[in-house]
Amino acid sequence: MTKHISDQPRAHAGTRLREYTRQEREAGIHPAVAALRARPQTRGQENRKTAEYLRIERDRLA
């Protein structure tokens, strides 16, 4: 009688991971990542405003 499939050793786990990462690496940059990198760099002022509002709010609570 043969062993159940879940009782077999997983000797191919490293190979599967290596092949998966190779395919991902060769696929190139994901379109979502490319779109995020192509965004304009004007977000700095918005972040500064948010930081100032938070600073003012913290001063009120202190």
PDB file of N, CA and C in Angstrom:
ATOM      1  N   MET A   1       0.846  -1.172   0.000  1.00  0.00           N
ATOM      2  CA  MET A   1       0.000   0.000   0.000  1.00  0.00           C
ATOM      3  C   MET A   1       0.901   1.248   0.000  1.00  0.00           C
ATOM      4  N   THR A   2       0.568   2.217  -0.830  1.00  0.00           N
ATOM      5  CA  THR A   2       1.400   3.416  -0.944  1.00  0.00           C
ATOM      6  C   THR A   2       0.984   4.446   0.098  1.00  0.00           C
ATOM      7  N   LYS A   3       1.877   5.358   0.367  1.00  0.00           N
ATOM      8  CA  LYS A   3       1.596   6.431   1.327  1.00  0.00           C
ATOM      9  C   LYS A   3       0.650   7.455   0.707  1.00  0.00           C
ATOM     10  N   HIS A   4      -0.024   8.168   1.573  1.00  0.00           N
ATOM     11  CA  HIS A   4      -0.901   9.245   1.128  1.00  0.00           C
ATOM     12  C   HIS A   4      -0.048  10.376   0.563  1.00  0.00           C
ATOM     13  N   ILE A   5      -0.608  11.173  -0.317  1.00  0.00           N
ATOM     14  CA  ILE A   5       0.153  12.255  -0.958  1.00  0.00           C
ATOM     15  C   ILE A   5       0.703  13.241   0.073  1.00  0.00           C
ATOM     16  N   SER A   6      -0.026  13.470   1.166  1.00  0.00           N
ATOM     17  CA  SER A   6       0.461  14.409   2.174  1.00  0.00           C
ATOM     18  C   SER A   6       1.567  13.809   3.031  1.00  0.00           C
ATOM     19  N   ASP A   7       1.767  12.505   2.968  1.00  0.00           N
ATOM     20  CA  ASP A   7       2.837  11.860   3.716  1.00  0.00           C
ATOM     21  C   ASP A   7       4.159  11.836   2.952  1.00  0.00           C
ATOM     22  N   GLN A   8       4.151  12.263   1.708  1.00  0.00           N
ATOM     23  CA  GLN A   8       5.367  12.266   0.908  1.00  0.00           C
ATOM     24  C   GLN A   8       6.242  13.462   1.289  1.00  0.00           C
ATOM     25  N   PRO A   9       7.544  13.323   1.254  1.00  0.00           N
ATOM     26  CA  PRO A   9       8.425  14.456   1.568  1.00  0.00           C
ATOM     27  C   PRO A   9       8.346  15.519   0.485  1.00  0.00           C
ATOM     28  N   ARG A  10       8.521  16.745   0.875  1.00  0.00           N
ATOM     29  CA  ARG A  10       8.440  17.859  -0.062  1.00  0.00           C
ATOM     30  C   ARG A  10       9.848  18.252  -0.510  1.00  0.00           C
ATOM     31  N   ALA A  11      10.405  17.496  -1.377  1.00  0.00           N
ATOM     32  CA  ALA A  11      11.765  17.739  -1.838  1.00  0.00           C
ATOM     33  C   ALA A  11      11.824  18.853  -2.882  1.00  0.00           C
ATOM     34  N   HIS A  12      10.709  19.213  -3.476  1.00  0.00           N
ATOM     35  CA  HIS A  12      10.707  20.189  -4.562  1.00  0.00           C
ATOM     36  C   HIS A  12      10.321  21.586  -4.094  1.00  0.00           C
ATOM     37  N   ALA A  13      10.220  21.822  -2.811  1.00  0.00           N
ATOM     38  CA  ALA A  13       9.787  23.128  -2.312  1.00  0.00           C
ATOM     39  C   ALA A  13      10.764  24.224  -2.711  1.00  0.00           C
ATOM     40  N   GLY A  14      12.050  23.992  -2.582  1.00  0.00           N
ATOM     41  CA  GLY A  14      13.041  24.993  -2.961  1.00  0.00           C
ATOM     42  C   GLY A  14      13.072  25.253  -4.444  1.00  0.00           C
ATOM     43  N   THR A  15      12.877  24.230  -5.218  1.00  0.00           N
ATOM     44  CA  THR A  15      12.875  24.365  -6.673  1.00  0.00           C
ATOM     45  C   THR A  15      11.685  25.194  -7.122  1.00  0.00           C
ATOM     46  N   ARG A  16      10.539  24.948  -6.541  1.00  0.00           N
ATOM     47  CA  ARG A  16       9.344  25.699  -6.926  1.00  0.00           C
ATOM     48  C   ARG A  16       9.512  27.180  -6.616  1.00  0.00           C
ATOM     49  N   LEU A  17      10.038  27.494  -5.444  1.00  0.00           N
ATOM     50  CA  LEU A  17      10.246  28.887  -5.064  1.00  0.00           C
ATOM     51  C   LEU A  17      11.260  29.553  -5.978  1.00  0.00           C
ATOM     52  N   ARG A  18      12.346  28.862  -6.290  1.00  0.00           N
ATOM     53  CA  ARG A  18      13.377  29.415  -7.160  1.00  0.00           C
ATOM     54  C   ARG A  18      12.800  29.701  -8.551  1.00  0.00           C
ATOM     55  N   GLU A  19      12.004  28.789  -9.081  1.00  0.00           N
ATOM     56  CA  GLU A  19      11.407  29.005 -10.396  1.00  0.00           C
ATOM     57  C   GLU A  19      10.392  30.138 -10.378  1.00  0.00           C
ATOM     58  N   TYR A  20       9.633  30.242  -9.312  1.00  0.00           N
ATOM     59  CA  TYR A  20       8.661  31.329  -9.196  1.00  0.00           C
ATOM     60  C   TYR A  20       9.364  32.679  -9.180  1.00  0.00           C
ATOM     61  N   THR A  21      10.417  32.799  -8.370  1.00  0.00           N
ATOM     62  CA  THR A  21      11.129  34.074  -8.297  1.00  0.00           C
ATOM     63  C   THR A  21      11.835  34.384  -9.616  1.00  0.00           C
ATOM     64  N   ARG A  22      12.320  33.369 -10.303  1.00  0.00           N
ATOM     65  CA  ARG A  22      12.950  33.600 -11.603  1.00  0.00           C
ATOM     66  C   ARG A  22      11.938  34.156 -12.598  1.00  0.00           C
ATOM     67  N   GLN A  23      10.748  33.577 -12.623  1.00  0.00           N
ATOM     68  CA  GLN A  23       9.720  34.052 -13.540  1.00  0.00           C
ATOM     69  C   GLN A  23       9.303  35.479 -13.210  1.00  0.00           C
ATOM     70  N   GLU A  24       9.164  35.795 -11.928  1.00  0.00           N
ATOM     71  CA  GLU A  24       8.804  37.149 -11.531  1.00  0.00           C
ATOM     72  C   GLU A  24       9.891  38.146 -11.924  1.00  0.00           C
ATOM     73  N   ARG A  25      11.135  37.760 -11.736  1.00  0.00           N
ATOM     74  CA  ARG A  25      12.252  38.638 -12.062  1.00  0.00           C
ATOM     75  C   ARG A  25      12.320  38.884 -13.569  1.00  0.00           C
ATOM     76  N   GLU A  26      12.099  37.853 -14.353  1.00  0.00           N
ATOM     77  CA  GLU A  26      12.170  37.985 -15.806  1.00  0.00           C
ATOM     78  C   GLU A  26      10.958  38.699 -16.388  1.00  0.00           C
ATOM     79  N   ALA A  27       9.867  38.743 -15.641  1.00  0.00           N
ATOM     80  CA  ALA A  27       8.658  39.393 -16.140  1.00  0.00           C
ATOM     81  C   ALA A  27       8.833  40.908 -16.217  1.00  0.00           C
ATOM     82  N   GLY A  28       9.787  41.454 -15.489  1.00  0.00           N
ATOM     83  CA  GLY A  28      10.027  42.887 -15.524  1.00  0.00           C
ATOM     84  C   GLY A  28       9.204  43.610 -14.467  1.00  0.00           C
ATOM     85  N   ILE A  29       9.082  44.904 -14.637  1.00  0.00           N
ATOM     86  CA  ILE A  29       8.384  45.746 -13.672  1.00  0.00           C
ATOM     87  C   ILE A  29       6.882  45.623 -13.892  1.00  0.00           C
ATOM     88  N   HIS A  30       6.148  45.450 -12.807  1.00  0.00           N
ATOM     89  CA  HIS A  30       4.687  45.368 -12.883  1.00  0.00           C
ATOM     90  C   HIS A  30       4.140  46.723 -13.333  1.00  0.00           C
ATOM     91  N   PRO A  31       3.082  46.748 -14.131  1.00  0.00           N
ATOM     92  CA  PRO A  31       2.529  48.022 -14.607  1.00  0.00           C
ATOM     93  C   PRO A  31       2.110  48.968 -13.481  1.00  0.00           C
ATOM     94  N   ALA A  32       1.645  48.439 -12.371  1.00  0.00           N
ATOM     95  CA  ALA A  32       1.254  49.300 -11.255  1.00  0.00           C
ATOM     96  C   ALA A  32       2.468  50.007 -10.656  1.00  0.00           C
ATOM     97  N   VAL A  33       3.584  49.304 -10.581  1.00  0.00           N
ATOM     98  CA  VAL A  33       4.809  49.908 -10.054  1.00  0.00           C
ATOM     99  C   VAL A  33       5.299  50.988 -11.008  1.00  0.00           C
ATOM    100  N   ALA A  34       5.237  50.719 -12.295  1.00  0.00           N
ATOM    101  CA  ALA A  34       5.658  51.710 -13.290  1.00  0.00           C
ATOM    102  C   ALA A  34       4.782  52.958 -13.209  1.00  0.00           C
ATOM    103  N   ALA A  35       3.479  52.773 -12.997  1.00  0.00           N
ATOM    104  CA  ALA A  35       2.583  53.922 -12.883  1.00  0.00           C
ATOM    105  C   ALA A  35       2.883  54.744 -11.641  1.00  0.00           C
ATOM    106  N   LEU A  36       3.194  54.076 -10.533  1.00  0.00           N
ATOM    107  CA  LEU A  36       3.533  54.813  -9.324  1.00  0.00           C
ATOM    108  C   LEU A  36       4.846  55.575  -9.484  1.00  0.00           C
ATOM    109  N   ARG A  37       5.797  55.005 -10.158  1.00  0.00           N
ATOM    110  CA  ARG A  37       7.069  55.697 -10.374  1.00  0.00           C
ATOM    111  C   ARG A  37       6.922  56.872 -11.324  1.00  0.00           C
ATOM    112  N   ALA A  38       5.933  56.821 -12.212  1.00  0.00           N
ATOM    113  CA  ALA A  38       5.735  57.888 -13.192  1.00  0.00           C
ATOM    114  C   ALA A  38       4.927  59.056 -12.636  1.00  0.00           C
ATOM    115  N   ARG A  39       4.427  58.924 -11.422  1.00  0.00           N
ATOM    116  CA  ARG A  39       3.638  60.009 -10.845  1.00  0.00           C
ATOM    117  C   ARG A  39       4.497  61.240 -10.626  1.00  0.00           C
ATOM    118  N   PRO A  40       3.896  62.419 -10.756  1.00  0.00           N
ATOM    119  CA  PRO A  40       4.675  63.641 -10.535  1.00  0.00           C
ATOM    120  C   PRO A  40       5.102  63.763  -9.070  1.00  0.00           C
ATOM    121  N   GLN A  41       6.187  64.462  -8.847  1.00  0.00           N
ATOM    122  CA  GLN A  41       6.755  64.598  -7.509  1.00  0.00           C
ATOM    123  C   GLN A  41       6.214  65.823  -6.776  1.00  0.00           C
ATOM    124  N   THR A  42       4.963  66.205  -6.998  1.00  0.00           N
ATOM    125  CA  THR A  42       4.389  67.402  -6.361  1.00  0.00           C
ATOM    126  C   THR A  42       3.717  67.086  -5.036  1.00  0.00           C
ATOM    127  N   ARG A  43       3.860  65.860  -4.557  1.00  0.00           N
ATOM    128  CA  ARG A  43       3.167  65.471  -3.341  1.00  0.00           C
ATOM    129  C   ARG A  43       3.844  66.019  -2.089  1.00  0.00           C
ATOM    130  N   GLY A  44       5.041  66.538  -2.197  1.00  0.00           N
ATOM    131  CA  GLY A  44       5.770  67.015  -1.031  1.00  0.00           C
ATOM    132  C   GLY A  44       5.057  68.132  -0.287  1.00  0.00           C
ATOM    133  N   GLN A  45       4.439  69.058  -1.009  1.00  0.00           N
ATOM    134  CA  GLN A  45       3.730  70.168  -0.366  1.00  0.00           C
ATOM    135  C   GLN A  45       2.501  69.684   0.385  1.00  0.00           C
ATOM    136  N   GLU A  46       1.797  68.707  -0.169  1.00  0.00           N
ATOM    137  CA  GLU A  46       0.620  68.164   0.524  1.00  0.00           C
ATOM    138  C   GLU A  46       1.036  67.515   1.833  1.00  0.00           C
ATOM    139  N   ASN A  47       2.143  66.784   1.803  1.00  0.00           N
ATOM    140  CA  ASN A  47       2.619  66.150   3.023  1.00  0.00           C
ATOM    141  C   ASN A  47       3.040  67.186   4.047  1.00  0.00           C
ATOM    142  N   ARG A  48       3.618  68.267   3.587  1.00  0.00           N
ATOM    143  CA  ARG A  48       4.050  69.327   4.506  1.00  0.00           C
ATOM    144  C   ARG A  48       2.836  69.965   5.179  1.00  0.00           C
ATOM    145  N   LYS A  49       1.786  70.205   4.410  1.00  0.00           N
ATOM    146  CA  LYS A  49       0.565  70.782   4.990  1.00  0.00           C
ATOM    147  C   LYS A  49      -0.010  69.851   6.044  1.00  0.00           C
ATOM    148  N   THR A  50      -0.060  68.576   5.743  1.00  0.00           N
ATOM    149  CA  THR A  50      -0.582  67.602   6.695  1.00  0.00           C
ATOM    150  C   THR A  50       0.259  67.593   7.957  1.00  0.00           C
ATOM    151  N   ALA A  51       1.560  67.663   7.805  1.00  0.00           N
ATOM    152  CA  ALA A  51       2.442  67.675   8.972  1.00  0.00           C
ATOM    153  C   ALA A  51       2.191  68.908   9.832  1.00  0.00           C
ATOM    154  N   GLU A  52       1.973  70.049   9.185  1.00  0.00           N
ATOM    155  CA  GLU A  52       1.707  71.277   9.948  1.00  0.00           C
ATOM    156  C   GLU A  52       0.363  71.195  10.683  1.00  0.00           C
ATOM    157  N   TYR A  53      -0.656  70.678  10.020  1.00  0.00           N
ATOM    158  CA  TYR A  53      -1.953  70.523  10.687  1.00  0.00           C
ATOM    159  C   TYR A  53      -1.844  69.583  11.881  1.00  0.00           C
ATOM    160  N   LEU A  54      -1.110  68.509  11.729  1.00  0.00           N
ATOM    161  CA  LEU A  54      -0.933  67.578  12.837  1.00  0.00           C
ATOM    162  C   LEU A  54      -0.152  68.209  13.980  1.00  0.00           C
ATOM    163  N   ARG A  55       0.844  69.017  13.652  1.00  0.00           N
ATOM    164  CA  ARG A  55       1.623  69.703  14.690  1.00  0.00           C
ATOM    165  C   ARG A  55       0.730  70.655  15.475  1.00  0.00           C
ATOM    166  N   ILE A  56      -0.119  71.388  14.777  1.00  0.00           N
ATOM    167  CA  ILE A  56      -1.033  72.329  15.447  1.00  0.00           C
ATOM    168  C   ILE A  56      -2.007  71.559  16.332  1.00  0.00           C
ATOM    169  N   GLU A  57      -2.525  70.454  15.815  1.00  0.00           N
ATOM    170  CA  GLU A  57      -3.476  69.652  16.593  1.00  0.00           C
ATOM    171  C   GLU A  57      -2.808  69.067  17.841  1.00  0.00           C
ATOM    172  N   ARG A  58      -1.576  68.630  17.723  1.00  0.00           N
ATOM    173  CA  ARG A  58      -0.864  68.096  18.896  1.00  0.00           C
ATOM    174  C   ARG A  58      -0.645  69.191  19.944  1.00  0.00           C
ATOM    175  N   ASP A  59      -0.371  70.426  19.496  1.00  0.00           N
ATOM    176  CA  ASP A  59      -0.170  71.528  20.447  1.00  0.00           C
ATOM    177  C   ASP A  59      -1.463  71.815  21.199  1.00  0.00           C
ATOM    178  N   ARG A  60      -2.593  71.663  20.537  1.00  0.00           N
ATOM    179  CA  ARG A  60      -3.886  71.901  21.214  1.00  0.00           C
ATOM    180  C   ARG A  60      -4.157  70.834  22.269  1.00  0.00           C
ATOM    181  N   LEU A  61      -3.765  69.600  21.964  1.00  0.00           N
ATOM    182  CA  LEU A  61      -4.042  68.502  22.884  1.00  0.00           C
ATOM    183  C   LEU A  61      -3.068  68.481  24.075  1.00  0.00           C
ATOM    184  N   ALA A  62      -1.924  69.095  23.907  1.00  0.00           N
ATOM    185  CA  ALA A  62      -0.908  69.047  24.971  1.00  0.00           C
ATOM    186  C   ALA A  62      -1.179  70.022  26.086  1.00  0.00           C
TER     187      ALA A  62
END
